[in-house]
Amino acid sequence: MSAFKDQIAKDNRTVFMNLDEFPDEHTVNGRKMTVMFDNNEMIDREKRYQYKRSLYADGVYLKELLIYVLADEFGALPAVGRTLTLDGKVYIISDAIDEDGIYSLSLEANKTTA
């Protein structure tokens, strides 16, 4: 690996996913790992996919989350459409991107207002 790639890998853990800063520990698929939620980016992504809103009936809505996890903690990049359990709740992976050692995972689940 190059010195630059080594530095990115170090920064992922010590800067971007530093538990003393933004992320927290959560249980993902039965394992504790470092997770950061990004509600602002999720709002931006939702604006691009407004067509989804018309697919749901009254009383049913789409719960969406965007999380970041360290690739070396998570393992192989998960496939879109697979399930992921986050803190005991089951979600479907709607998007998965490897951002140089940090996975950006968009999650969704149908929820009811009742």
PDB file of N, CA and C in Angstrom:
ATOM      1  N   MET A   1       0.843  -1.175   0.000  1.00  0.00           N
ATOM      2  CA  MET A   1       0.000   0.000   0.000  1.00  0.00           C
ATOM      3  C   MET A   1       0.891   1.242   0.000  1.00  0.00           C
ATOM      4  N   SER A   2       0.432   2.310  -0.640  1.00  0.00           N
ATOM      5  CA  SER A   2       1.214   3.541  -0.694  1.00  0.00           C
ATOM      6  C   SER A   2       1.139   4.284   0.634  1.00  0.00           C
ATOM      7  N   ALA A   3       2.073   5.213   0.836  1.00  0.00           N
ATOM      8  CA  ALA A   3       2.078   6.016   2.061  1.00  0.00           C
ATOM      9  C   ALA A   3       0.789   6.826   2.173  1.00  0.00           C
ATOM     10  N   PHE A   4       0.270   7.305   1.044  1.00  0.00           N
ATOM     11  CA  PHE A   4      -0.967   8.075   1.055  1.00  0.00           C
ATOM     12  C   PHE A   4      -2.144   7.206   1.497  1.00  0.00           C
ATOM     13  N   LYS A   5      -2.248   6.003   0.937  1.00  0.00           N
ATOM     14  CA  LYS A   5      -3.333   5.095   1.323  1.00  0.00           C
ATOM     15  C   LYS A   5      -3.205   4.674   2.778  1.00  0.00           C
ATOM     16  N   ASP A   6      -1.982   4.487   3.248  1.00  0.00           N
ATOM     17  CA  ASP A   6      -1.762   4.175   4.661  1.00  0.00           C
ATOM     18  C   ASP A   6      -2.263   5.307   5.548  1.00  0.00           C
ATOM     19  N   GLN A   7      -2.002   6.544   5.117  1.00  0.00           N
ATOM     20  CA  GLN A   7      -2.436   7.701   5.901  1.00  0.00           C
ATOM     21  C   GLN A   7      -3.958   7.814   5.914  1.00  0.00           C
ATOM     22  N   ILE A   8      -4.612   7.534   4.793  1.00  0.00           N
ATOM     23  CA  ILE A   8      -6.082   7.554   4.752  1.00  0.00           C
ATOM     24  C   ILE A   8      -6.648   6.518   5.721  1.00  0.00           C
ATOM     25  N   ALA A   9      -6.094   5.322   5.713  1.00  0.00           N
ATOM     26  CA  ALA A   9      -6.567   4.265   6.613  1.00  0.00           C
ATOM     27  C   ALA A   9      -6.398   4.686   8.073  1.00  0.00           C
ATOM     28  N   LYS A  10      -5.281   5.322   8.401  1.00  0.00           N
ATOM     29  CA  LYS A  10      -5.056   5.804   9.767  1.00  0.00           C
ATOM     30  C   LYS A  10      -6.056   6.909  10.113  1.00  0.00           C
ATOM     31  N   ASP A  11      -6.251   7.860   9.201  1.00  0.00           N
ATOM     32  CA  ASP A  11      -7.180   8.972   9.439  1.00  0.00           C
ATOM     33  C   ASP A  11      -8.620   8.493   9.593  1.00  0.00           C
ATOM     34  N   ASN A  12      -9.000   7.450   8.856  1.00  0.00           N
ATOM     35  CA  ASN A  12     -10.362   6.928   8.981  1.00  0.00           C
ATOM     36  C   ASN A  12     -10.681   6.597  10.439  1.00  0.00           C
ATOM     37  N   ARG A  13      -9.761   5.952  11.109  1.00  0.00           N
ATOM     38  CA  ARG A  13     -10.001   5.520  12.484  1.00  0.00           C
ATOM     39  C   ARG A  13      -9.740   6.638  13.497  1.00  0.00           C
ATOM     40  N   THR A  14      -8.655   7.390  13.328  1.00  0.00           N
ATOM     41  CA  THR A  14      -8.251   8.354  14.359  1.00  0.00           C
ATOM     42  C   THR A  14      -8.884   9.730  14.204  1.00  0.00           C
ATOM     43  N   VAL A  15      -9.393  10.047  13.012  1.00  0.00           N
ATOM     44  CA  VAL A  15      -9.994  11.368  12.794  1.00  0.00           C
ATOM     45  C   VAL A  15     -11.486  11.236  12.506  1.00  0.00           C
ATOM     46  N   PHE A  16     -11.843  10.627  11.390  1.00  0.00           N
ATOM     47  CA  PHE A  16     -13.236  10.594  10.941  1.00  0.00           C
ATOM     48  C   PHE A  16     -14.132   9.732  11.830  1.00  0.00           C
ATOM     49  N   MET A  17     -13.636   8.600  12.281  1.00  0.00           N
ATOM     50  CA  MET A  17     -14.448   7.674  13.083  1.00  0.00           C
ATOM     51  C   MET A  17     -13.915   7.581  14.515  1.00  0.00           C
ATOM     52  N   ASN A  18     -13.419   8.674  15.027  1.00  0.00           N
ATOM     53  CA  ASN A  18     -12.895   8.764  16.381  1.00  0.00           C
ATOM     54  C   ASN A  18     -14.061   8.772  17.370  1.00  0.00           C
ATOM     55  N   LEU A  19     -14.119   7.791  18.260  1.00  0.00           N
ATOM     56  CA  LEU A  19     -15.228   7.664  19.214  1.00  0.00           C
ATOM     57  C   LEU A  19     -15.331   8.853  20.178  1.00  0.00           C
ATOM     58  N   ASP A  20     -14.285   9.653  20.290  1.00  0.00           N
ATOM     59  CA  ASP A  20     -14.334  10.848  21.139  1.00  0.00           C
ATOM     60  C   ASP A  20     -14.971  12.030  20.407  1.00  0.00           C
ATOM     61  N   GLU A  21     -15.287  11.862  19.147  1.00  0.00           N
ATOM     62  CA  GLU A  21     -15.862  12.957  18.353  1.00  0.00           C
ATOM     63  C   GLU A  21     -17.306  12.638  17.959  1.00  0.00           C
ATOM     64  N   PHE A  22     -17.556  12.256  16.703  1.00  0.00           N
ATOM     65  CA  PHE A  22     -18.917  12.114  16.177  1.00  0.00           C
ATOM     66  C   PHE A  22     -19.563  10.742  16.345  1.00  0.00           C
ATOM     67  N   PRO A  23     -18.889   9.660  16.023  1.00  0.00           N
ATOM     68  CA  PRO A  23     -19.571   8.347  16.046  1.00  0.00           C
ATOM     69  C   PRO A  23     -19.754   7.809  17.460  1.00  0.00           C
ATOM     70  N   ASP A  24     -20.546   6.751  17.535  1.00  0.00           N
ATOM     71  CA  ASP A  24     -20.777   6.007  18.774  1.00  0.00           C
ATOM     72  C   ASP A  24     -20.692   4.531  18.454  1.00  0.00           C
ATOM     73  N   GLU A  25     -20.651   3.711  19.505  1.00  0.00           N
ATOM     74  CA  GLU A  25     -20.710   2.266  19.296  1.00  0.00           C
ATOM     75  C   GLU A  25     -22.162   1.833  19.184  1.00  0.00           C
ATOM     76  N   HIS A  26     -22.434   0.998  18.202  1.00  0.00           N
ATOM     77  CA  HIS A  26     -23.760   0.425  17.996  1.00  0.00           C
ATOM     78  C   HIS A  26     -23.591  -1.047  17.649  1.00  0.00           C
ATOM     79  N   THR A  27     -24.664  -1.795  17.743  1.00  0.00           N
ATOM     80  CA  THR A  27     -24.635  -3.207  17.382  1.00  0.00           C
ATOM     81  C   THR A  27     -25.137  -3.346  15.946  1.00  0.00           C
ATOM     82  N   VAL A  28     -24.267  -3.840  15.084  1.00  0.00           N
ATOM     83  CA  VAL A  28     -24.584  -4.045  13.674  1.00  0.00           C
ATOM     84  C   VAL A  28     -24.425  -5.523  13.376  1.00  0.00           C
ATOM     85  N   ASN A  29     -25.530  -6.139  12.954  1.00  0.00           N
ATOM     86  CA  ASN A  29     -25.524  -7.574  12.651  1.00  0.00           C
ATOM     87  C   ASN A  29     -24.930  -8.389  13.801  1.00  0.00           C
ATOM     88  N   GLY A  30     -25.285  -7.993  15.028  1.00  0.00           N
ATOM     89  CA  GLY A  30     -24.863  -8.741  16.197  1.00  0.00           C
ATOM     90  C   GLY A  30     -23.477  -8.422  16.724  1.00  0.00           C
ATOM     91  N   ARG A  31     -22.774  -7.461  16.089  1.00  0.00           N
ATOM     92  CA  ARG A  31     -21.416  -7.111  16.526  1.00  0.00           C
ATOM     93  C   ARG A  31     -21.345  -5.624  16.866  1.00  0.00           C
ATOM     94  N   LYS A  32     -20.617  -5.298  17.924  1.00  0.00           N
ATOM     95  CA  LYS A  32     -20.378  -3.900  18.279  1.00  0.00           C
ATOM     96  C   LYS A  32     -19.397  -3.306  17.285  1.00  0.00           C
ATOM     97  N   MET A  33     -19.720  -2.118  16.779  1.00  0.00           N
ATOM     98  CA  MET A  33     -18.788  -1.417  15.901  1.00  0.00           C
ATOM     99  C   MET A  33     -19.050   0.079  15.933  1.00  0.00           C
ATOM    100  N   THR A  34     -18.118   0.822  15.403  1.00  0.00           N
ATOM    101  CA  THR A  34     -18.190   2.276  15.356  1.00  0.00           C
ATOM    102  C   THR A  34     -19.129   2.691  14.226  1.00  0.00           C
ATOM    103  N   VAL A  35     -20.141   3.501  14.563  1.00  0.00           N
ATOM    104  CA  VAL A  35     -21.149   3.925  13.581  1.00  0.00           C
ATOM    105  C   VAL A  35     -21.381   5.420  13.717  1.00  0.00           C
ATOM    106  N   MET A  36     -21.441   6.094  12.578  1.00  0.00           N
ATOM    107  CA  MET A  36     -21.791   7.507  12.564  1.00  0.00           C
ATOM    108  C   MET A  36     -23.041   7.684  11.708  1.00  0.00           C
ATOM    109  N   PHE A  37     -24.032   8.396  12.230  1.00  0.00           N
ATOM    110  CA  PHE A  37     -25.266   8.703  11.509  1.00  0.00           C
ATOM    111  C   PHE A  37     -25.101  10.054  10.824  1.00  0.00           C
ATOM    112  N   ASP A  38     -25.675  10.199   9.642  1.00  0.00           N
ATOM    113  CA  ASP A  38     -25.609  11.472   8.916  1.00  0.00           C
ATOM    114  C   ASP A  38     -27.007  11.846   8.436  1.00  0.00           C
ATOM    115  N   ASN A  39     -27.735  12.585   9.264  1.00  0.00           N
ATOM    116  CA  ASN A  39     -29.090  12.995   8.909  1.00  0.00           C
ATOM    117  C   ASN A  39     -29.111  14.066   7.829  1.00  0.00           C
ATOM    118  N   ASN A  40     -28.127  14.956   7.812  1.00  0.00           N
ATOM    119  CA  ASN A  40     -28.101  16.023   6.810  1.00  0.00           C
ATOM    120  C   ASN A  40     -27.917  15.472   5.402  1.00  0.00           C
ATOM    121  N   GLU A  41     -26.996  14.560   5.230  1.00  0.00           N
ATOM    122  CA  GLU A  41     -26.781  13.962   3.908  1.00  0.00           C
ATOM    123  C   GLU A  41     -27.992  13.144   3.493  1.00  0.00           C
ATOM    124  N   MET A  42     -28.647  12.498   4.455  1.00  0.00           N
ATOM    125  CA  MET A  42     -29.846  11.716   4.130  1.00  0.00           C
ATOM    126  C   MET A  42     -30.937  12.621   3.583  1.00  0.00           C
ATOM    127  N   ILE A  43     -31.100  13.807   4.148  1.00  0.00           N
ATOM    128  CA  ILE A  43     -32.093  14.766   3.647  1.00  0.00           C
ATOM    129  C   ILE A  43     -31.773  15.150   2.211  1.00  0.00           C
ATOM    130  N   ASP A  44     -30.499  15.413   1.914  1.00  0.00           N
ATOM    131  CA  ASP A  44     -30.100  15.758   0.548  1.00  0.00           C
ATOM    132  C   ASP A  44     -30.388  14.619  -0.420  1.00  0.00           C
ATOM    133  N   ARG A  45     -30.103  13.399   0.000  1.00  0.00           N
ATOM    134  CA  ARG A  45     -30.357  12.243  -0.873  1.00  0.00           C
ATOM    135  C   ARG A  45     -31.854  12.024  -1.080  1.00  0.00           C
ATOM    136  N   GLU A  46     -32.659  12.257  -0.029  1.00  0.00           N
ATOM    137  CA  GLU A  46     -34.107  12.100  -0.155  1.00  0.00           C
ATOM    138  C   GLU A  46     -34.676  13.039  -1.211  1.00  0.00           C
ATOM    139  N   LYS A  47     -34.138  14.235  -1.303  1.00  0.00           N
ATOM    140  CA  LYS A  47     -34.626  15.208  -2.285  1.00  0.00           C
ATOM    141  C   LYS A  47     -34.462  14.687  -3.711  1.00  0.00           C
ATOM    142  N   ARG A  48     -33.433  13.892  -3.928  1.00  0.00           N
ATOM    143  CA  ARG A  48     -33.191  13.339  -5.267  1.00  0.00           C
ATOM    144  C   ARG A  48     -34.117  12.178  -5.592  1.00  0.00           C
ATOM    145  N   TYR A  49     -34.730  11.577  -4.572  1.00  0.00           N
ATOM    146  CA  TYR A  49     -35.540  10.386  -4.777  1.00  0.00           C
ATOM    147  C   TYR A  49     -36.963  10.573  -4.261  1.00  0.00           C
ATOM    148  N   GLN A  50     -37.553  11.717  -4.505  1.00  0.00           N
ATOM    149  CA  GLN A  50     -38.890  12.022  -4.009  1.00  0.00           C
ATOM    150  C   GLN A  50     -39.961  11.083  -4.551  1.00  0.00           C
ATOM    151  N   TYR A  51     -39.719  10.441  -5.673  1.00  0.00           N
ATOM    152  CA  TYR A  51     -40.705   9.529  -6.253  1.00  0.00           C
ATOM    153  C   TYR A  51     -41.073   8.405  -5.297  1.00  0.00           C
ATOM    154  N   LYS A  52     -40.202   8.042  -4.377  1.00  0.00           N
ATOM    155  CA  LYS A  52     -40.480   6.957  -3.427  1.00  0.00           C
ATOM    156  C   LYS A  52     -41.680   7.277  -2.546  1.00  0.00           C
ATOM    157  N   ARG A  53     -41.885   8.560  -2.247  1.00  0.00           N
ATOM    158  CA  ARG A  53     -42.952   8.950  -1.325  1.00  0.00           C
ATOM    159  C   ARG A  53     -44.330   8.538  -1.828  1.00  0.00           C
ATOM    160  N   SER A  54     -44.519   8.488  -3.133  1.00  0.00           N
ATOM    161  CA  SER A  54     -45.836   8.165  -3.670  1.00  0.00           C
ATOM    162  C   SER A  54     -46.133   6.668  -3.652  1.00  0.00           C
ATOM    163  N   LEU A  55     -45.157   5.853  -3.271  1.00  0.00           N
ATOM    164  CA  LEU A  55     -45.334   4.409  -3.293  1.00  0.00           C
ATOM    165  C   LEU A  55     -46.000   3.853  -2.041  1.00  0.00           C
ATOM    166  N   TYR A  56     -46.224   4.667  -1.026  1.00  0.00           N
ATOM    167  CA  TYR A  56     -46.688   4.172   0.256  1.00  0.00           C
ATOM    168  C   TYR A  56     -48.118   4.613   0.547  1.00  0.00           C
ATOM    169  N   ALA A  57     -48.859   3.750   1.243  1.00  0.00           N
ATOM    170  CA  ALA A  57     -50.261   3.996   1.574  1.00  0.00           C
ATOM    171  C   ALA A  57     -50.351   4.858   2.834  1.00  0.00           C
ATOM    172  N   ASP A  58     -51.554   5.348   3.113  1.00  0.00           N
ATOM    173  CA  ASP A  58     -51.774   6.120   4.331  1.00  0.00           C
ATOM    174  C   ASP A  58     -51.374   5.297   5.551  1.00  0.00           C
ATOM    175  N   GLY A  59     -50.674   5.936   6.483  1.00  0.00           N
ATOM    176  CA  GLY A  59     -50.268   5.262   7.714  1.00  0.00           C
ATOM    177  C   GLY A  59     -48.981   4.472   7.596  1.00  0.00           C
ATOM    178  N   VAL A  60     -48.419   4.371   6.397  1.00  0.00           N
ATOM    179  CA  VAL A  60     -47.158   3.664   6.185  1.00  0.00           C
ATOM    180  C   VAL A  60     -46.161   4.656   5.608  1.00  0.00           C
ATOM    181  N   TYR A  61     -44.976   4.685   6.181  1.00  0.00           N
ATOM    182  CA  TYR A  61     -43.956   5.582   5.660  1.00  0.00           C
ATOM    183  C   TYR A  61     -42.617   4.861   5.617  1.00  0.00           C
ATOM    184  N   LEU A  62     -41.704   5.448   4.901  1.00  0.00           N
ATOM    185  CA  LEU A  62     -40.380   4.868   4.728  1.00  0.00           C
ATOM    186  C   LEU A  62     -39.425   5.519   5.720  1.00  0.00           C
ATOM    187  N   LYS A  63     -38.881   4.727   6.618  1.00  0.00           N
ATOM    188  CA  LYS A  63     -37.867   5.201   7.561  1.00  0.00           C
ATOM    189  C   LYS A  63     -36.520   5.010   6.882  1.00  0.00           C
ATOM    190  N   GLU A  64     -35.747   6.090   6.784  1.00  0.00           N
ATOM    191  CA  GLU A  64     -34.457   6.024   6.115  1.00  0.00           C
ATOM    192  C   GLU A  64     -33.344   6.502   7.040  1.00  0.00           C
ATOM    193  N   LEU A  65     -32.211   5.832   6.969  1.00  0.00           N
ATOM    194  CA  LEU A  65     -31.029   6.194   7.738  1.00  0.00           C
ATOM    195  C   LEU A  65     -29.820   6.145   6.817  1.00  0.00           C
ATOM    196  N   LEU A  66     -28.853   6.979   7.099  1.00  0.00           N
ATOM    197  CA  LEU A  66     -27.563   6.907   6.428  1.00  0.00           C
ATOM    198  C   LEU A  66     -26.524   6.749   7.521  1.00  0.00           C
ATOM    199  N   ILE A  67     -25.763   5.675   7.447  1.00  0.00           N
ATOM    200  CA  ILE A  67     -24.719   5.438   8.439  1.00  0.00           C
ATOM    201  C   ILE A  67     -23.376   5.269   7.744  1.00  0.00           C
ATOM    202  N   TYR A  68     -22.330   5.546   8.510  1.00  0.00           N
ATOM    203  CA  TYR A  68     -20.962   5.294   8.074  1.00  0.00           C
ATOM    204  C   TYR A  68     -20.347   4.300   9.042  1.00  0.00           C
ATOM    205  N   VAL A  69     -19.662   3.294   8.513  1.00  0.00           N
ATOM    206  CA  VAL A  69     -18.969   2.295   9.319  1.00  0.00           C
ATOM    207  C   VAL A  69     -17.590   2.065   8.718  1.00  0.00           C
ATOM    208  N   LEU A  70     -16.652   1.689   9.558  1.00  0.00           N
ATOM    209  CA  LEU A  70     -15.311   1.366   9.063  1.00  0.00           C
ATOM    210  C   LEU A  70     -15.353   0.049   8.302  1.00  0.00           C
ATOM    211  N   ALA A  71     -14.783   0.041   7.115  1.00  0.00           N
ATOM    212  CA  ALA A  71     -14.770  -1.172   6.298  1.00  0.00           C
ATOM    213  C   ALA A  71     -14.079  -2.318   7.015  1.00  0.00           C
ATOM    214  N   ASP A  72     -12.973  -2.023   7.704  1.00  0.00           N
ATOM    215  CA  ASP A  72     -12.245  -3.114   8.366  1.00  0.00           C
ATOM    216  C   ASP A  72     -12.991  -3.665   9.579  1.00  0.00           C
ATOM    217  N   GLU A  73     -13.924  -2.917  10.154  1.00  0.00           N
ATOM    218  CA  GLU A  73     -14.768  -3.449  11.227  1.00  0.00           C
ATOM    219  C   GLU A  73     -15.952  -4.229  10.655  1.00  0.00           C
ATOM    220  N   PHE A  74     -16.508  -3.730   9.552  1.00  0.00           N
ATOM    221  CA  PHE A  74     -17.722  -4.316   8.990  1.00  0.00           C
ATOM    222  C   PHE A  74     -17.454  -5.603   8.223  1.00  0.00           C
ATOM    223  N   GLY A  75     -16.433  -5.585   7.389  1.00  0.00           N
ATOM    224  CA  GLY A  75     -16.155  -6.722   6.507  1.00  0.00           C
ATOM    225  C   GLY A  75     -16.440  -6.335   5.065  1.00  0.00           C
ATOM    226  N   ALA A  76     -16.814  -7.300   4.250  1.00  0.00           N
ATOM    227  CA  ALA A  76     -17.068  -7.050   2.826  1.00  0.00           C
ATOM    228  C   ALA A  76     -18.224  -6.066   2.650  1.00  0.00           C
ATOM    229  N   LEU A  77     -18.119  -5.230   1.629  1.00  0.00           N
ATOM    230  CA  LEU A  77     -19.180  -4.272   1.313  1.00  0.00           C
ATOM    231  C   LEU A  77     -20.470  -5.045   1.049  1.00  0.00           C
ATOM    232  N   PRO A  78     -21.545  -4.728   1.781  1.00  0.00           N
ATOM    233  CA  PRO A  78     -22.785  -5.489   1.611  1.00  0.00           C
ATOM    234  C   PRO A  78     -23.482  -5.148   0.306  1.00  0.00           C
ATOM    235  N   ALA A  79     -24.215  -6.094  -0.205  1.00  0.00           N
ATOM    236  CA  ALA A  79     -24.960  -5.897  -1.450  1.00  0.00           C
ATOM    237  C   ALA A  79     -26.250  -5.125  -1.174  1.00  0.00           C
ATOM    238  N   VAL A  80     -26.635  -4.298  -2.134  1.00  0.00           N
ATOM    239  CA  VAL A  80     -27.914  -3.594  -2.066  1.00  0.00           C
ATOM    240  C   VAL A  80     -29.025  -4.640  -2.061  1.00  0.00           C
ATOM    241  N   GLY A  81     -30.027  -4.425  -1.208  1.00  0.00           N
ATOM    242  CA  GLY A  81     -31.141  -5.355  -1.100  1.00  0.00           C
ATOM    243  C   GLY A  81     -31.019  -6.330   0.052  1.00  0.00           C
ATOM    244  N   ARG A  82     -29.836  -6.460   0.622  1.00  0.00           N
ATOM    245  CA  ARG A  82     -29.650  -7.349   1.767  1.00  0.00           C
ATOM    246  C   ARG A  82     -30.162  -6.681   3.027  1.00  0.00           C
ATOM    247  N   THR A  83     -30.406  -7.464   4.047  1.00  0.00           N
ATOM    248  CA  THR A  83     -30.851  -6.901   5.317  1.00  0.00           C
ATOM    249  C   THR A  83     -29.656  -6.601   6.210  1.00  0.00           C
ATOM    250  N   LEU A  84     -29.855  -5.633   7.093  1.00  0.00           N
ATOM    251  CA  LEU A  84     -28.860  -5.259   8.081  1.00  0.00           C
ATOM    252  C   LEU A  84     -29.623  -4.995   9.371  1.00  0.00           C
ATOM    253  N   THR A  85     -29.126  -5.532  10.474  1.00  0.00           N
ATOM    254  CA  THR A  85     -29.746  -5.290  11.772  1.00  0.00           C
ATOM    255  C   THR A  85     -28.908  -4.260  12.516  1.00  0.00           C
ATOM    256  N   LEU A  86     -29.538  -3.156  12.890  1.00  0.00           N
ATOM    257  CA  LEU A  86     -28.882  -2.075  13.604  1.00  0.00           C
ATOM    258  C   LEU A  86     -29.589  -1.887  14.938  1.00  0.00           C
ATOM    259  N   ASP A  87     -28.876  -2.175  16.018  1.00  0.00           N
ATOM    260  CA  ASP A  87     -29.436  -2.050  17.366  1.00  0.00           C
ATOM    261  C   ASP A  87     -30.773  -2.769  17.500  1.00  0.00           C
ATOM    262  N   GLY A  88     -30.855  -3.962  16.919  1.00  0.00           N
ATOM    263  CA  GLY A  88     -32.036  -4.802  17.041  1.00  0.00           C
ATOM    264  C   GLY A  88     -33.143  -4.528  16.042  1.00  0.00           C
ATOM    265  N   LYS A  89     -32.997  -3.518  15.198  1.00  0.00           N
ATOM    266  CA  LYS A  89     -34.014  -3.194  14.194  1.00  0.00           C
ATOM    267  C   LYS A  89     -33.500  -3.605  12.813  1.00  0.00           C
ATOM    268  N   VAL A  90     -34.386  -4.176  12.007  1.00  0.00           N
ATOM    269  CA  VAL A  90     -33.995  -4.698  10.697  1.00  0.00           C
ATOM    270  C   VAL A  90     -34.267  -3.651   9.620  1.00  0.00           C
ATOM    271  N   TYR A  91     -33.271  -3.440   8.778  1.00  0.00           N
ATOM    272  CA  TYR A  91     -33.353  -2.505   7.660  1.00  0.00           C
ATOM    273  C   TYR A  91     -32.927  -3.213   6.378  1.00  0.00           C
ATOM    274  N   ILE A  92     -33.335  -2.644   5.249  1.00  0.00           N
ATOM    275  CA  ILE A  92     -32.865  -3.091   3.940  1.00  0.00           C
ATOM    276  C   ILE A  92     -31.795  -2.098   3.476  1.00  0.00           C
ATOM    277  N   ILE A  93     -30.711  -2.603   2.942  1.00  0.00           N
ATOM    278  CA  ILE A  93     -29.653  -1.736   2.417  1.00  0.00           C
ATOM    279  C   ILE A  93     -30.088  -1.256   1.036  1.00  0.00           C
ATOM    280  N   SER A  94     -30.278   0.055   0.900  1.00  0.00           N
ATOM    281  CA  SER A  94     -30.716   0.619  -0.378  1.00  0.00           C
ATOM    282  C   SER A  94     -29.557   1.196  -1.184  1.00  0.00           C
ATOM    283  N   ASP A  95     -28.416   1.400  -0.533  1.00  0.00           N
ATOM    284  CA  ASP A  95     -27.228   1.885  -1.232  1.00  0.00           C
ATOM    285  C   ASP A  95     -26.023   1.567  -0.364  1.00  0.00           C
ATOM    286  N   ALA A  96     -24.922   1.185  -0.972  1.00  0.00           N
ATOM    287  CA  ALA A  96     -23.694   0.860  -0.244  1.00  0.00           C
ATOM    288  C   ALA A  96     -22.501   1.328  -1.068  1.00  0.00           C
ATOM    289  N   ILE A  97     -21.699   2.209  -0.487  1.00  0.00           N
ATOM    290  CA  ILE A  97     -20.557   2.786  -1.191  1.00  0.00           C
ATOM    291  C   ILE A  97     -19.323   2.674  -0.304  1.00  0.00           C
ATOM    292  N   ASP A  98     -18.213   2.245  -0.890  1.00  0.00           N
ATOM    293  CA  ASP A  98     -16.932   2.233  -0.191  1.00  0.00           C
ATOM    294  C   ASP A  98     -16.250   3.565  -0.457  1.00  0.00           C
ATOM    295  N   GLU A  99     -16.168   4.393   0.566  1.00  0.00           N
ATOM    296  CA  GLU A  99     -15.542   5.711   0.449  1.00  0.00           C
ATOM    297  C   GLU A  99     -14.139   5.653   1.052  1.00  0.00           C
ATOM    298  N   ASP A 100     -13.258   4.942   0.384  1.00  0.00           N
ATOM    299  CA  ASP A 100     -11.862   4.808   0.804  1.00  0.00           C
ATOM    300  C   ASP A 100     -11.705   4.261   2.214  1.00  0.00           C
ATOM    301  N   GLY A 101     -12.401   3.153   2.487  1.00  0.00           N
ATOM    302  CA  GLY A 101     -12.250   2.481   3.770  1.00  0.00           C
ATOM    303  C   GLY A 101     -13.345   2.777   4.773  1.00  0.00           C
ATOM    304  N   ILE A 102     -14.241   3.672   4.429  1.00  0.00           N
ATOM    305  CA  ILE A 102     -15.434   3.928   5.238  1.00  0.00           C
ATOM    306  C   ILE A 102     -16.630   3.636   4.349  1.00  0.00           C
ATOM    307  N   TYR A 103     -17.529   2.774   4.821  1.00  0.00           N
ATOM    308  CA  TYR A 103     -18.725   2.454   4.046  1.00  0.00           C
ATOM    309  C   TYR A 103     -19.826   3.451   4.359  1.00  0.00           C
ATOM    310  N   SER A 104     -20.451   3.947   3.317  1.00  0.00           N
ATOM    311  CA  SER A 104     -21.654   4.767   3.416  1.00  0.00           C
ATOM    312  C   SER A 104     -22.817   3.841   3.089  1.00  0.00           C
ATOM    313  N   LEU A 105     -23.669   3.564   4.092  1.00  0.00           N
ATOM    314  CA  LEU A 105     -24.768   2.621   3.911  1.00  0.00           C
ATOM    315  C   LEU A 105     -26.100   3.350   4.095  1.00  0.00           C
ATOM    316  N   SER A 106     -26.912   3.365   3.050  1.00  0.00           N
ATOM    317  CA  SER A 106     -28.269   3.899   3.139  1.00  0.00           C
ATOM    318  C   SER A 106     -29.188   2.752   3.500  1.00  0.00           C
ATOM    319  N   LEU A 107     -29.982   2.965   4.550  1.00  0.00           N
ATOM    320  CA  LEU A 107     -30.865   1.915   5.069  1.00  0.00           C
ATOM    321  C   LEU A 107     -32.297   2.402   5.015  1.00  0.00           C
ATOM    322  N   GLU A 108     -33.228   1.463   4.814  1.00  0.00           N
ATOM    323  CA  GLU A 108     -34.646   1.829   4.842  1.00  0.00           C
ATOM    324  C   GLU A 108     -35.472   0.695   5.419  1.00  0.00           C
ATOM    325  N   ALA A 109     -36.616   1.107   5.978  1.00  0.00           N
ATOM    326  CA  ALA A 109     -37.562   0.144   6.530  1.00  0.00           C
ATOM    327  C   ALA A 109     -38.942   0.768   6.477  1.00  0.00           C
ATOM    328  N   ASN A 110     -39.942  -0.040   6.204  1.00  0.00           N
ATOM    329  CA  ASN A 110     -41.328   0.435   6.236  1.00  0.00           C
ATOM    330  C   ASN A 110     -41.782   0.506   7.685  1.00  0.00           C
ATOM    331  N   LYS A 111     -42.369   1.620   8.038  1.00  0.00           N
ATOM    332  CA  LYS A 111     -42.889   1.840   9.395  1.00  0.00           C
ATOM    333  C   LYS A 111     -44.329   2.273   9.298  1.00  0.00           C
ATOM    334  N   THR A 112     -45.077   2.077  10.372  1.00  0.00           N
ATOM    335  CA  THR A 112     -46.468   2.515  10.408  1.00  0.00           C
ATOM    336  C   THR A 112     -46.639   3.589  11.463  1.00  0.00           C
ATOM    337  N   THR A 113     -47.649   4.433  11.280  1.00  0.00           N
ATOM    338  CA  THR A 113     -47.914   5.489  12.239  1.00  0.00           C
ATOM    339  C   THR A 113     -48.754   5.002  13.392  1.00  0.00           C
ATOM    340  N   ALA A 114     -49.285   3.801  13.278  1.00  0.00           N
ATOM    341  CA  ALA A 114     -50.159   3.263  14.348  1.00  0.00           C
ATOM    342  C   ALA A 114     -49.371   2.768  15.525  1.00  0.00           C
TER     343      ALA A 114
END
